[in-house]
Amino acid sequence: MKSLIKIVQFILNEIIELVLSIWTFLMGIGFYVILPILTFFALLALVIGKNWNGFIGIVLFSFVACLILGIIKLLQIILNFIVGILLNERGENKRIYKKYEQWYENSINQEYERRRRAQEEYQRQQQQEYQRKQNEKRRFWDEQYQKWQDKEHSNSRQEYSKQQQQQSRQQYERQSNNNSRFNYQNTNDGGIIQKFEKYLDVLEIDKNGEITERIIHKAFLKKMKVVHPDKNLDKDTTAQAQELKAMEDFLKAQLEYYLMQRRKRQ
């Protein structure tokens, strides 16, 4: 029965649409072709005979045409309304709306569940990343602590080695002073000779052999390779390098005086 009513509704709607199209076509011809001609003659009758009947006829023609068009559209609306009552379209619309609400609620729930799982996965990944960084940080500080311990052991060994070297140097200086050509007690030069020979010992230059600026510079470069800051990145050796440079400058400046004093005592 519903199918038959829908078929009848479809046929009647098509007939009304056809009539509406034909009437609209006729109105177009009337408004764009016939109406200008009637308006011209009505205006001519008004000018010549002072007759308003032409304009009244034009207004009535336009009103009737629009009224018929409105009636056709109204018939279509009434037809659809009656069919809607017969088919209970309002109840059908409610049923469809209820299904849509259920579908929308299910979609919202699914989207909420998807976002909840995504949030849990994101938090899990963040926790893993945090744990990984903590492990890396712990390993880093363990390595730093191990390096510090190794450095402390190395510094202890170096300190012990320095003490041994200092003791050996002091013993060597005492022996060198005994073997020196000069008697420091009888040398009235402000300690230049003693200081000169002390620097020779530091640079490991034979005080009884040949001494030239070239030999001094060569010995200076040899010592500088050991204490140069670029070779000792783990500690500051700038002061030692400056002391060696000062020794070289002093030896070069006092070399002529020292050699002269040594020749006098030969």
Protein backbone atom coordinates (compact mmCIF):
# COMPACT_ATOMS: atom_id res chain seq x y z
CA MET A 1 0.00 0.00 0.00
CA LYS A 2 2.77 2.41 0.90
CA SER A 3 4.55 1.60 -2.32
CA LEU A 4 1.38 2.33 -4.33
CA ILE A 5 0.88 5.64 -2.53
CA LYS A 6 4.50 6.61 -3.21
CA ILE A 7 4.07 5.73 -6.90
CA VAL A 8 0.93 7.88 -7.10
CA GLN A 9 2.74 10.70 -5.29
CA PHE A 10 5.62 10.47 -7.71
CA ILE A 11 3.33 10.54 -10.76
CA LEU A 12 1.31 13.49 -9.45
CA ASN A 13 4.50 15.39 -8.56
CA GLU A 14 5.85 14.82 -12.03
CA ILE A 15 2.58 16.04 -13.58
CA ILE A 16 2.60 19.13 -11.38
CA GLU A 17 6.26 19.77 -12.21
CA LEU A 18 5.44 19.47 -15.93
CA VAL A 19 2.47 21.84 -15.65
CA LEU A 20 4.62 24.21 -13.59
CA SER A 21 7.36 24.17 -16.21
CA ILE A 22 4.88 24.80 -19.05
CA TRP A 23 3.18 27.62 -17.14
CA THR A 24 6.56 29.18 -16.27
CA PHE A 25 7.51 29.03 -19.97
CA LEU A 26 4.25 30.69 -20.95
CA MET A 27 4.71 33.36 -18.28
CA GLY A 28 8.20 34.04 -19.63
CA ILE A 29 6.82 34.53 -23.11
CA GLY A 30 4.03 36.69 -21.74
CA PHE A 31 6.30 38.89 -19.59
CA TYR A 32 9.13 39.26 -22.11
CA VAL A 33 7.15 39.35 -25.40
CA ILE A 34 3.43 40.03 -24.95
CA LEU A 35 3.62 42.32 -21.90
CA PRO A 36 5.93 44.92 -23.56
CA ILE A 37 3.56 45.11 -26.56
CA LEU A 38 0.50 45.51 -24.34
CA THR A 39 2.33 48.12 -22.31
CA PHE A 40 3.13 50.08 -25.47
CA PHE A 41 -0.51 50.08 -26.63
CA ALA A 42 -1.75 50.90 -23.12
CA LEU A 43 0.65 53.84 -22.95
CA LEU A 44 -0.50 54.95 -26.43
CA ALA A 45 -4.17 54.74 -25.38
CA LEU A 46 -3.38 56.71 -22.23
CA VAL A 47 -1.64 59.47 -24.18
CA ILE A 48 -4.21 59.71 -26.95
CA GLY A 49 -7.50 58.86 -25.25
CA LYS A 50 -6.68 59.23 -21.57
CA ASN A 51 -7.77 55.62 -21.15
CA TRP A 52 -6.45 53.63 -18.12
CA ASN A 53 -8.09 50.33 -19.08
CA GLY A 54 -4.92 49.14 -20.79
CA PHE A 55 -2.81 49.47 -17.64
CA ILE A 56 -5.53 47.86 -15.53
CA GLY A 57 -5.62 44.90 -17.95
CA ILE A 58 -1.82 44.55 -17.70
CA VAL A 59 -1.98 44.49 -13.89
CA LEU A 60 -4.80 41.92 -13.93
CA PHE A 61 -2.85 39.80 -16.42
CA SER A 62 0.24 39.81 -14.22
CA PHE A 63 -1.80 39.09 -11.07
CA VAL A 64 -3.66 36.14 -12.63
CA ALA A 65 -0.45 34.65 -14.01
CA CYS A 66 1.29 34.83 -10.62
CA LEU A 67 -1.88 33.52 -8.88
CA ILE A 68 -1.99 30.46 -11.11
CA LEU A 69 1.70 29.83 -10.47
CA GLY A 70 1.13 30.05 -6.70
CA ILE A 71 -1.86 27.68 -6.90
CA ILE A 72 0.23 25.09 -8.74
CA LYS A 73 2.98 25.30 -6.12
CA LEU A 74 0.37 25.12 -3.33
CA LEU A 75 -1.15 21.99 -4.90
CA GLN A 76 2.26 20.34 -4.81
CA ILE A 77 2.73 21.26 -1.15
CA ILE A 78 -0.76 20.02 -0.19
CA LEU A 79 -0.18 16.77 -2.09
CA ASN A 80 3.10 16.10 -0.26
CA PHE A 81 1.49 16.94 3.09
CA ILE A 82 -1.42 14.53 2.53
CA VAL A 83 0.90 11.76 1.39
CA GLY A 84 3.09 12.38 4.42
CA ILE A 85 0.10 11.88 6.72
CA LEU A 86 -0.96 8.73 4.88
CA LEU A 87 2.53 7.23 5.04
CA ASN A 88 3.19 8.42 8.61
CA GLU A 89 6.36 10.18 7.47
CA ARG A 90 6.66 12.03 10.79
CA GLY A 91 6.92 8.75 12.67
CA GLU A 92 9.34 7.47 10.06
CA ASN A 93 11.40 10.61 10.46
CA LYS A 94 11.46 10.13 14.23
CA ARG A 95 12.60 6.54 13.77
CA ILE A 96 15.34 7.65 11.37
CA TYR A 97 16.37 10.42 13.76
CA LYS A 98 16.53 7.92 16.63
CA LYS A 99 18.75 5.64 14.55
CA TYR A 100 20.93 8.63 13.70
CA GLU A 101 21.22 9.51 17.40
CA GLN A 102 22.26 5.94 18.18
CA TRP A 103 24.78 5.96 15.36
CA TYR A 104 26.15 9.32 16.50
CA GLU A 105 26.43 8.14 20.11
CA ASN A 106 28.22 4.98 19.01
CA SER A 107 30.58 7.05 16.88
CA ILE A 108 31.32 9.34 19.83
CA ASN A 109 31.99 6.35 22.08
CA GLN A 110 34.27 4.74 19.51
CA GLU A 111 36.17 8.00 19.03
CA TYR A 112 36.51 8.40 22.79
CA GLU A 113 37.81 4.85 23.12
CA ARG A 114 40.27 5.40 20.27
CA ARG A 115 41.59 8.61 21.81
CA ARG A 116 41.82 6.95 25.25
CA ARG A 117 43.92 4.12 23.81
CA ALA A 118 46.06 6.62 21.90
CA GLN A 119 46.59 8.62 25.12
CA GLU A 120 47.56 5.48 27.03
CA GLU A 121 49.99 4.51 24.27
CA TYR A 122 51.48 8.01 24.29
CA GLN A 123 51.90 7.93 28.08
CA ARG A 124 53.53 4.51 27.86
CA GLN A 125 55.97 5.76 25.23
CA GLN A 126 56.72 8.84 27.34
CA GLN A 127 57.38 6.63 30.35
CA GLN A 128 59.72 4.44 28.32
CA GLU A 129 61.52 7.52 26.97
CA TYR A 130 61.87 8.93 30.48
CA GLN A 131 63.23 5.60 31.75
CA ARG A 132 65.67 5.45 28.86
CA LYS A 133 66.95 8.96 29.58
CA GLN A 134 67.30 8.14 33.27
CA ASN A 135 69.33 5.05 32.41
CA GLU A 136 71.53 7.05 30.05
CA LYS A 137 72.04 9.72 32.70
CA ARG A 138 72.89 7.07 35.29
CA ARG A 139 75.41 5.47 32.92
CA PHE A 140 76.91 8.88 32.14
CA TRP A 141 77.46 9.73 35.80
CA ASP A 142 78.81 6.26 36.49
CA GLU A 143 81.32 6.77 33.69
CA GLN A 144 82.19 10.23 35.01
CA TYR A 145 82.70 8.83 38.49
CA GLN A 146 84.91 6.07 37.12
CA LYS A 147 86.94 8.62 35.14
CA TRP A 148 87.26 10.76 38.27
CA GLN A 149 88.52 7.78 40.24
CA ASP A 150 90.99 6.92 37.47
CA LYS A 151 92.11 10.55 37.38
CA GLU A 152 92.56 10.62 41.14
CA HIS A 153 94.70 7.49 40.97
CA SER A 154 96.64 8.98 38.08
CA ASN A 155 97.15 12.27 39.95
CA SER A 156 98.33 10.35 42.99
CA ARG A 157 100.87 8.49 40.89
CA GLN A 158 101.95 11.72 39.17
CA GLU A 159 102.29 13.47 42.52
CA TYR A 160 104.42 10.64 43.82
CA SER A 161 106.48 10.74 40.61
CA LYS A 162 106.92 14.52 40.98
CA GLN A 163 108.12 14.12 44.54
CA GLN A 164 110.62 11.49 43.40
CA GLN A 165 111.76 13.75 40.53
CA GLN A 166 112.08 16.73 42.87
CA GLN A 167 114.17 14.73 45.30
CA SER A 168 116.35 13.49 42.44
CA ARG A 169 116.66 17.05 41.09
CA GLN A 170 117.65 18.44 44.48
CA GLN A 171 120.25 15.70 44.85
CA TYR A 172 121.48 16.40 41.33
CA GLU A 173 121.67 20.15 42.02
CA ARG A 174 123.67 19.56 45.16
CA GLN A 175 126.01 17.34 43.18
CA SER A 176 126.16 19.86 40.33
CA ASN A 177 126.97 22.68 42.70
CA ASN A 178 129.83 20.63 44.01
CA ASN A 179 131.04 20.06 40.42
CA SER A 180 130.51 23.69 39.29
CA ARG A 181 133.43 25.81 38.17
CA PHE A 182 132.19 28.69 40.34
CA ASN A 183 132.41 29.31 44.03
CA TYR A 184 129.06 31.03 44.70
CA GLN A 185 130.26 32.44 48.01
CA ASN A 186 133.04 34.33 46.20
CA THR A 187 130.83 35.50 43.28
CA ASN A 188 129.48 39.01 43.84
CA ASP A 189 126.89 39.17 41.00
CA GLY A 190 123.55 39.05 42.85
CA GLY A 191 123.19 35.30 42.32
CA ILE A 192 123.10 35.46 38.50
CA ILE A 193 125.60 32.62 38.08
CA GLN A 194 123.78 30.41 40.58
CA LYS A 195 120.41 31.18 38.98
CA PHE A 196 121.86 30.61 35.48
CA GLU A 197 123.23 27.17 36.39
CA LYS A 198 119.97 26.29 38.16
CA TYR A 199 118.07 26.98 34.94
CA LEU A 200 120.64 24.94 33.00
CA ASP A 201 119.89 22.01 35.28
CA VAL A 202 116.14 22.44 34.76
CA LEU A 203 116.61 22.43 30.98
CA GLU A 204 119.11 19.55 31.33
CA ILE A 205 121.99 21.46 29.71
CA ASP A 206 125.55 20.47 30.66
CA LYS A 207 126.92 23.51 32.48
CA ASN A 208 130.51 22.39 31.79
CA GLY A 209 129.93 21.82 28.08
CA GLU A 210 129.19 24.08 25.11
CA ILE A 211 126.38 26.54 25.73
CA THR A 212 124.84 28.58 22.91
CA GLU A 213 121.50 30.22 22.23
CA ARG A 214 120.71 27.38 19.81
CA ILE A 215 121.36 24.75 22.48
CA ILE A 216 119.28 26.72 24.99
CA HIS A 217 116.38 27.04 22.52
CA LYS A 218 116.58 23.36 21.60
CA ALA A 219 116.45 22.34 25.27
CA PHE A 220 113.57 24.78 25.81
CA LEU A 221 111.57 23.22 22.95
CA LYS A 222 112.22 19.74 24.32
CA LYS A 223 110.83 20.70 27.72
CA MET A 224 107.97 22.71 26.19
CA LYS A 225 106.70 19.63 24.34
CA VAL A 226 106.09 18.01 27.72
CA VAL A 227 104.31 20.90 29.48
CA HIS A 228 102.61 22.62 26.53
CA PRO A 229 98.89 23.29 27.31
CA ASP A 230 97.80 21.65 24.04
CA LYS A 231 99.47 18.42 25.17
CA ASN A 232 97.88 18.52 28.63
CA LEU A 233 94.17 19.04 28.12
CA ASP A 234 93.30 17.41 31.45
CA LYS A 235 95.25 19.94 33.52
CA ASP A 236 96.44 23.55 33.35
CA THR A 237 100.18 23.78 32.50
CA THR A 238 100.17 27.40 31.39
CA ALA A 239 102.19 28.51 34.41
CA GLN A 240 104.88 25.87 33.78
CA ALA A 241 105.12 26.88 30.14
CA GLN A 242 105.50 30.53 31.15
CA GLU A 243 108.24 29.62 33.61
CA LEU A 244 110.14 27.71 30.91
CA LYS A 245 109.85 30.70 28.57
CA ALA A 246 111.13 32.99 31.32
CA MET A 247 114.06 30.62 31.88
CA GLU A 248 114.92 30.67 28.19
CA ASP A 249 114.79 34.46 28.06
CA PHE A 250 116.99 34.73 31.19
CA LEU A 251 119.56 32.25 29.85
CA LYS A 252 119.78 34.02 26.49
CA ALA A 253 120.05 37.42 28.20
CA GLN A 254 122.78 36.32 30.66
CA LEU A 255 124.59 33.89 28.34
CA GLU A 256 127.36 36.29 27.38
CA TYR A 257 127.94 37.28 31.03
CA TYR A 258 128.03 33.66 32.15
CA LEU A 259 130.48 32.63 29.43
CA MET A 260 132.67 35.61 30.24
CA GLN A 261 132.77 34.74 33.94
CA ARG A 262 133.48 31.10 33.10
CA ARG A 263 136.44 32.07 30.88
CA LYS A 264 137.89 34.21 33.70
CA ARG A 265 137.96 31.23 36.03
CA GLN A 266 139.50 28.78 33.61
